[in-house]
Amino acid sequence: MEFNDYQKLANRTLEGNEHVLTNLSLGLASESGEVIDLIKKYTFQGADLDQEQLKHEMGDVLWYLSQIALWANVDFDEVAKSNIKSLEQKYPNVKR
């Protein structure tokens, strides 16, 4: 699936029209915290890393990112491409 396709499909579930960007930003921070908490429990508390829960929380993070990009009229595929280009410049000696 292409990121832009994901973005459009995910937008069907965005509710509300007031303070949308604030809601999306807070949701992104909250869901990122869920990912971090799973990793913290695995790393420091000896818990098993629940792959399914991690996948779920990462999907929530992806949803919020896609909706922020859509709200700001930022092409989500371009975000991914730009990030890869930046990584290639930052780490020129890393092989693919």
N, C-alpha and C. Protein backbone atom coordinates (compact mmCIF):
# COMPACT_ATOMS: atom_id res chain seq x y z
N MET A 1 0.84 -1.18 0.00
CA MET A 1 0.00 0.00 0.00
C MET A 1 0.89 1.24 0.00
N GLU A 2 0.53 2.19 -0.79
CA GLU A 2 1.25 3.47 -0.83
C GLU A 2 0.81 4.33 0.35
N PHE A 3 1.72 5.15 0.84
CA PHE A 3 1.39 6.01 1.98
C PHE A 3 0.22 6.95 1.66
N ASN A 4 0.17 7.50 0.46
CA ASN A 4 -0.93 8.41 0.12
C ASN A 4 -2.27 7.69 0.13
N ASP A 5 -2.29 6.43 -0.33
CA ASP A 5 -3.51 5.65 -0.28
C ASP A 5 -3.93 5.41 1.16
N TYR A 6 -2.96 5.04 1.99
CA TYR A 6 -3.24 4.85 3.41
C TYR A 6 -3.84 6.11 4.01
N GLN A 7 -3.22 7.25 3.70
CA GLN A 7 -3.63 8.53 4.25
C GLN A 7 -5.10 8.82 3.93
N LYS A 8 -5.49 8.60 2.70
CA LYS A 8 -6.87 8.87 2.29
C LYS A 8 -7.85 7.91 2.97
N LEU A 9 -7.49 6.64 3.03
CA LEU A 9 -8.36 5.67 3.68
C LEU A 9 -8.49 5.93 5.17
N ALA A 10 -7.38 6.29 5.80
CA ALA A 10 -7.40 6.55 7.23
C ALA A 10 -8.20 7.81 7.56
N ASN A 11 -8.26 8.75 6.65
CA ASN A 11 -8.95 10.01 6.90
C ASN A 11 -10.45 9.81 7.11
N ARG A 12 -10.97 8.72 6.61
CA ARG A 12 -12.41 8.47 6.79
C ARG A 12 -12.78 8.35 8.26
N THR A 13 -11.82 8.07 9.12
CA THR A 13 -12.12 7.87 10.54
C THR A 13 -11.82 9.11 11.38
N LEU A 14 -11.37 10.20 10.76
CA LEU A 14 -11.09 11.42 11.51
C LEU A 14 -12.40 12.12 11.82
N GLU A 15 -12.63 12.36 13.10
CA GLU A 15 -13.86 13.00 13.53
C GLU A 15 -13.58 14.38 14.09
N GLY A 16 -14.56 15.24 13.96
CA GLY A 16 -14.46 16.58 14.53
C GLY A 16 -13.83 17.54 13.56
N ASN A 17 -14.10 18.81 13.77
CA ASN A 17 -13.53 19.81 12.88
C ASN A 17 -12.95 21.01 13.63
N GLU A 18 -13.17 21.09 14.91
CA GLU A 18 -12.59 22.17 15.69
C GLU A 18 -11.33 21.65 16.38
N HIS A 19 -10.30 22.44 16.30
CA HIS A 19 -9.03 22.13 16.95
C HIS A 19 -8.47 20.78 16.50
N VAL A 20 -8.65 20.48 15.24
CA VAL A 20 -8.22 19.18 14.71
C VAL A 20 -6.72 18.99 14.86
N LEU A 21 -5.93 20.00 14.52
CA LEU A 21 -4.48 19.85 14.60
C LEU A 21 -4.03 19.63 16.04
N THR A 22 -4.63 20.31 16.99
CA THR A 22 -4.29 20.10 18.40
C THR A 22 -4.63 18.68 18.81
N ASN A 23 -5.81 18.21 18.43
CA ASN A 23 -6.22 16.85 18.75
C ASN A 23 -5.26 15.84 18.15
N LEU A 24 -4.87 16.05 16.89
CA LEU A 24 -3.96 15.12 16.23
C LEU A 24 -2.59 15.13 16.89
N SER A 25 -2.11 16.30 17.25
CA SER A 25 -0.79 16.40 17.89
C SER A 25 -0.78 15.72 19.25
N LEU A 26 -1.82 15.94 20.01
CA LEU A 26 -1.90 15.30 21.33
C LEU A 26 -2.04 13.78 21.19
N GLY A 27 -2.82 13.35 20.21
CA GLY A 27 -2.96 11.92 19.97
C GLY A 27 -1.65 11.28 19.56
N LEU A 28 -0.87 11.97 18.72
CA LEU A 28 0.43 11.47 18.30
C LEU A 28 1.35 11.31 19.50
N ALA A 29 1.37 12.32 20.36
CA ALA A 29 2.22 12.24 21.55
C ALA A 29 1.78 11.08 22.46
N SER A 30 0.49 10.93 22.62
CA SER A 30 -0.05 9.87 23.48
C SER A 30 0.27 8.49 22.94
N GLU A 31 0.05 8.28 21.66
CA GLU A 31 0.31 6.97 21.06
C GLU A 31 1.81 6.68 20.99
N SER A 32 2.62 7.71 20.76
CA SER A 32 4.08 7.52 20.81
C SER A 32 4.50 7.06 22.20
N GLY A 33 3.85 7.63 23.20
CA GLY A 33 4.11 7.22 24.58
C GLY A 33 3.77 5.76 24.82
N GLU A 34 2.71 5.28 24.18
CA GLU A 34 2.34 3.86 24.30
C GLU A 34 3.44 2.97 23.74
N VAL A 35 4.01 3.35 22.59
CA VAL A 35 5.11 2.59 21.99
C VAL A 35 6.31 2.61 22.94
N ILE A 36 6.63 3.79 23.43
CA ILE A 36 7.76 3.94 24.35
C ILE A 36 7.55 3.11 25.61
N ASP A 37 6.35 3.09 26.13
CA ASP A 37 6.07 2.33 27.35
C ASP A 37 6.28 0.83 27.14
N LEU A 38 5.85 0.32 25.99
CA LEU A 38 6.08 -1.10 25.70
C LEU A 38 7.58 -1.42 25.65
N ILE A 39 8.34 -0.54 25.01
CA ILE A 39 9.78 -0.74 24.91
C ILE A 39 10.45 -0.60 26.27
N LYS A 40 10.00 0.35 27.07
CA LYS A 40 10.55 0.53 28.41
C LYS A 40 10.32 -0.71 29.26
N LYS A 41 9.12 -1.25 29.22
CA LYS A 41 8.81 -2.44 30.02
C LYS A 41 9.65 -3.63 29.57
N TYR A 42 9.87 -3.73 28.27
CA TYR A 42 10.70 -4.81 27.73
C TYR A 42 12.16 -4.62 28.14
N THR A 43 12.66 -3.41 27.98
CA THR A 43 14.08 -3.13 28.20
C THR A 43 14.46 -3.14 29.68
N PHE A 44 13.63 -2.55 30.51
CA PHE A 44 14.03 -2.33 31.90
C PHE A 44 13.26 -3.15 32.93
N GLN A 45 12.12 -3.73 32.54
CA GLN A 45 11.31 -4.43 33.54
C GLN A 45 11.16 -5.92 33.24
N GLY A 46 11.86 -6.39 32.22
CA GLY A 46 11.87 -7.81 31.93
C GLY A 46 10.60 -8.35 31.31
N ALA A 47 9.73 -7.47 30.84
CA ALA A 47 8.49 -7.94 30.20
C ALA A 47 8.80 -8.46 28.81
N ASP A 48 7.97 -9.38 28.35
CA ASP A 48 8.07 -9.82 26.96
C ASP A 48 7.64 -8.67 26.06
N LEU A 49 8.25 -8.55 24.89
CA LEU A 49 7.83 -7.53 23.94
C LEU A 49 6.66 -8.09 23.15
N ASP A 50 5.50 -7.54 23.41
CA ASP A 50 4.27 -7.98 22.77
C ASP A 50 4.23 -7.42 21.35
N GLN A 51 4.59 -8.26 20.39
CA GLN A 51 4.67 -7.83 18.99
C GLN A 51 3.33 -7.30 18.46
N GLU A 52 2.26 -7.98 18.82
CA GLU A 52 0.94 -7.55 18.33
C GLU A 52 0.56 -6.19 18.92
N GLN A 53 0.82 -5.99 20.20
CA GLN A 53 0.50 -4.71 20.82
C GLN A 53 1.38 -3.61 20.25
N LEU A 54 2.66 -3.92 20.03
CA LEU A 54 3.57 -2.95 19.44
C LEU A 54 3.10 -2.56 18.03
N LYS A 55 2.70 -3.56 17.25
CA LYS A 55 2.20 -3.30 15.90
C LYS A 55 0.95 -2.41 15.95
N HIS A 56 0.08 -2.70 16.91
CA HIS A 56 -1.14 -1.90 17.08
C HIS A 56 -0.80 -0.44 17.39
N GLU A 57 0.07 -0.25 18.36
CA GLU A 57 0.42 1.12 18.77
C GLU A 57 1.17 1.86 17.66
N MET A 58 2.03 1.16 16.93
CA MET A 58 2.72 1.79 15.81
C MET A 58 1.73 2.19 14.71
N GLY A 59 0.70 1.38 14.51
CA GLY A 59 -0.35 1.73 13.57
C GLY A 59 -1.08 2.99 13.99
N ASP A 60 -1.32 3.14 15.29
CA ASP A 60 -1.96 4.36 15.79
C ASP A 60 -1.07 5.58 15.54
N VAL A 61 0.24 5.42 15.76
CA VAL A 61 1.18 6.52 15.49
C VAL A 61 1.13 6.87 14.01
N LEU A 62 1.12 5.86 13.14
CA LEU A 62 1.05 6.08 11.70
C LEU A 62 -0.22 6.83 11.33
N TRP A 63 -1.33 6.46 11.93
CA TRP A 63 -2.60 7.13 11.65
C TRP A 63 -2.51 8.62 11.98
N TYR A 64 -2.02 8.93 13.16
CA TYR A 64 -1.92 10.35 13.55
C TYR A 64 -0.97 11.11 12.62
N LEU A 65 0.18 10.52 12.28
CA LEU A 65 1.10 11.19 11.36
C LEU A 65 0.45 11.43 10.01
N SER A 66 -0.26 10.44 9.51
CA SER A 66 -0.88 10.59 8.20
C SER A 66 -1.93 11.69 8.21
N GLN A 67 -2.65 11.81 9.31
CA GLN A 67 -3.71 12.81 9.37
C GLN A 67 -3.15 14.22 9.57
N ILE A 68 -2.06 14.34 10.30
CA ILE A 68 -1.39 15.65 10.41
C ILE A 68 -0.90 16.08 9.04
N ALA A 69 -0.28 15.16 8.30
CA ALA A 69 0.20 15.49 6.97
C ALA A 69 -0.96 15.89 6.06
N LEU A 70 -2.06 15.16 6.12
CA LEU A 70 -3.22 15.49 5.29
C LEU A 70 -3.78 16.85 5.66
N TRP A 71 -3.90 17.12 6.95
CA TRP A 71 -4.41 18.41 7.41
C TRP A 71 -3.54 19.56 6.90
N ALA A 72 -2.23 19.34 6.89
CA ALA A 72 -1.28 20.38 6.48
C ALA A 72 -1.03 20.37 4.97
N ASN A 73 -1.76 19.51 4.24
CA ASN A 73 -1.60 19.39 2.79
C ASN A 73 -0.16 19.00 2.42
N VAL A 74 0.37 18.06 3.19
CA VAL A 74 1.71 17.53 2.94
C VAL A 74 1.56 16.12 2.39
N ASP A 75 2.15 15.89 1.23
CA ASP A 75 2.08 14.60 0.59
C ASP A 75 2.83 13.57 1.43
N PHE A 76 2.13 12.54 1.89
CA PHE A 76 2.72 11.56 2.81
C PHE A 76 3.82 10.75 2.13
N ASP A 77 3.64 10.43 0.85
CA ASP A 77 4.72 9.74 0.12
C ASP A 77 5.97 10.61 0.08
N GLU A 78 5.80 11.91 -0.08
CA GLU A 78 6.94 12.82 -0.11
C GLU A 78 7.66 12.88 1.24
N VAL A 79 6.90 12.77 2.31
CA VAL A 79 7.51 12.72 3.64
C VAL A 79 8.46 11.52 3.72
N ALA A 80 7.98 10.37 3.28
CA ALA A 80 8.79 9.15 3.32
C ALA A 80 10.02 9.27 2.40
N LYS A 81 9.81 9.76 1.18
CA LYS A 81 10.92 9.92 0.24
C LYS A 81 11.96 10.91 0.76
N SER A 82 11.49 12.01 1.31
CA SER A 82 12.40 13.03 1.83
C SER A 82 13.21 12.49 3.00
N ASN A 83 12.57 11.67 3.83
CA ASN A 83 13.27 11.09 4.96
C ASN A 83 14.35 10.13 4.50
N ILE A 84 14.07 9.31 3.50
CA ILE A 84 15.08 8.39 2.96
C ILE A 84 16.25 9.18 2.37
N LYS A 85 15.96 10.23 1.65
CA LYS A 85 17.02 11.07 1.08
C LYS A 85 17.88 11.66 2.19
N SER A 86 17.25 12.14 3.24
CA SER A 86 17.97 12.71 4.37
C SER A 86 18.85 11.66 5.04
N LEU A 87 18.33 10.45 5.21
CA LEU A 87 19.11 9.37 5.82
C LEU A 87 20.30 8.98 4.94
N GLU A 88 20.09 8.98 3.62
CA GLU A 88 21.19 8.65 2.71
C GLU A 88 22.31 9.69 2.80
N GLN A 89 21.94 10.95 2.98
CA GLN A 89 22.94 12.01 3.12
C GLN A 89 23.63 11.93 4.48
N LYS A 90 22.87 11.59 5.49
CA LYS A 90 23.40 11.53 6.84
C LYS A 90 24.33 10.32 7.03
N TYR A 91 23.97 9.23 6.36
CA TYR A 91 24.74 7.99 6.47
C TYR A 91 25.15 7.50 5.08
N PRO A 92 26.08 8.20 4.43
CA PRO A 92 26.42 7.87 3.05
C PRO A 92 27.12 6.52 2.88
N ASN A 93 27.73 6.00 3.91
CA ASN A 93 28.48 4.75 3.80
C ASN A 93 27.67 3.50 4.14
N VAL A 94 26.40 3.68 4.49
CA VAL A 94 25.55 2.54 4.82
C VAL A 94 25.00 1.96 3.52
N LYS A 95 25.19 0.66 3.36
CA LYS A 95 24.72 -0.01 2.14
C LYS A 95 23.25 -0.42 2.30
N ARG A 96 22.56 -0.45 1.20
CA ARG A 96 21.15 -0.86 1.21
C ARG A 96 21.02 -2.34 1.19
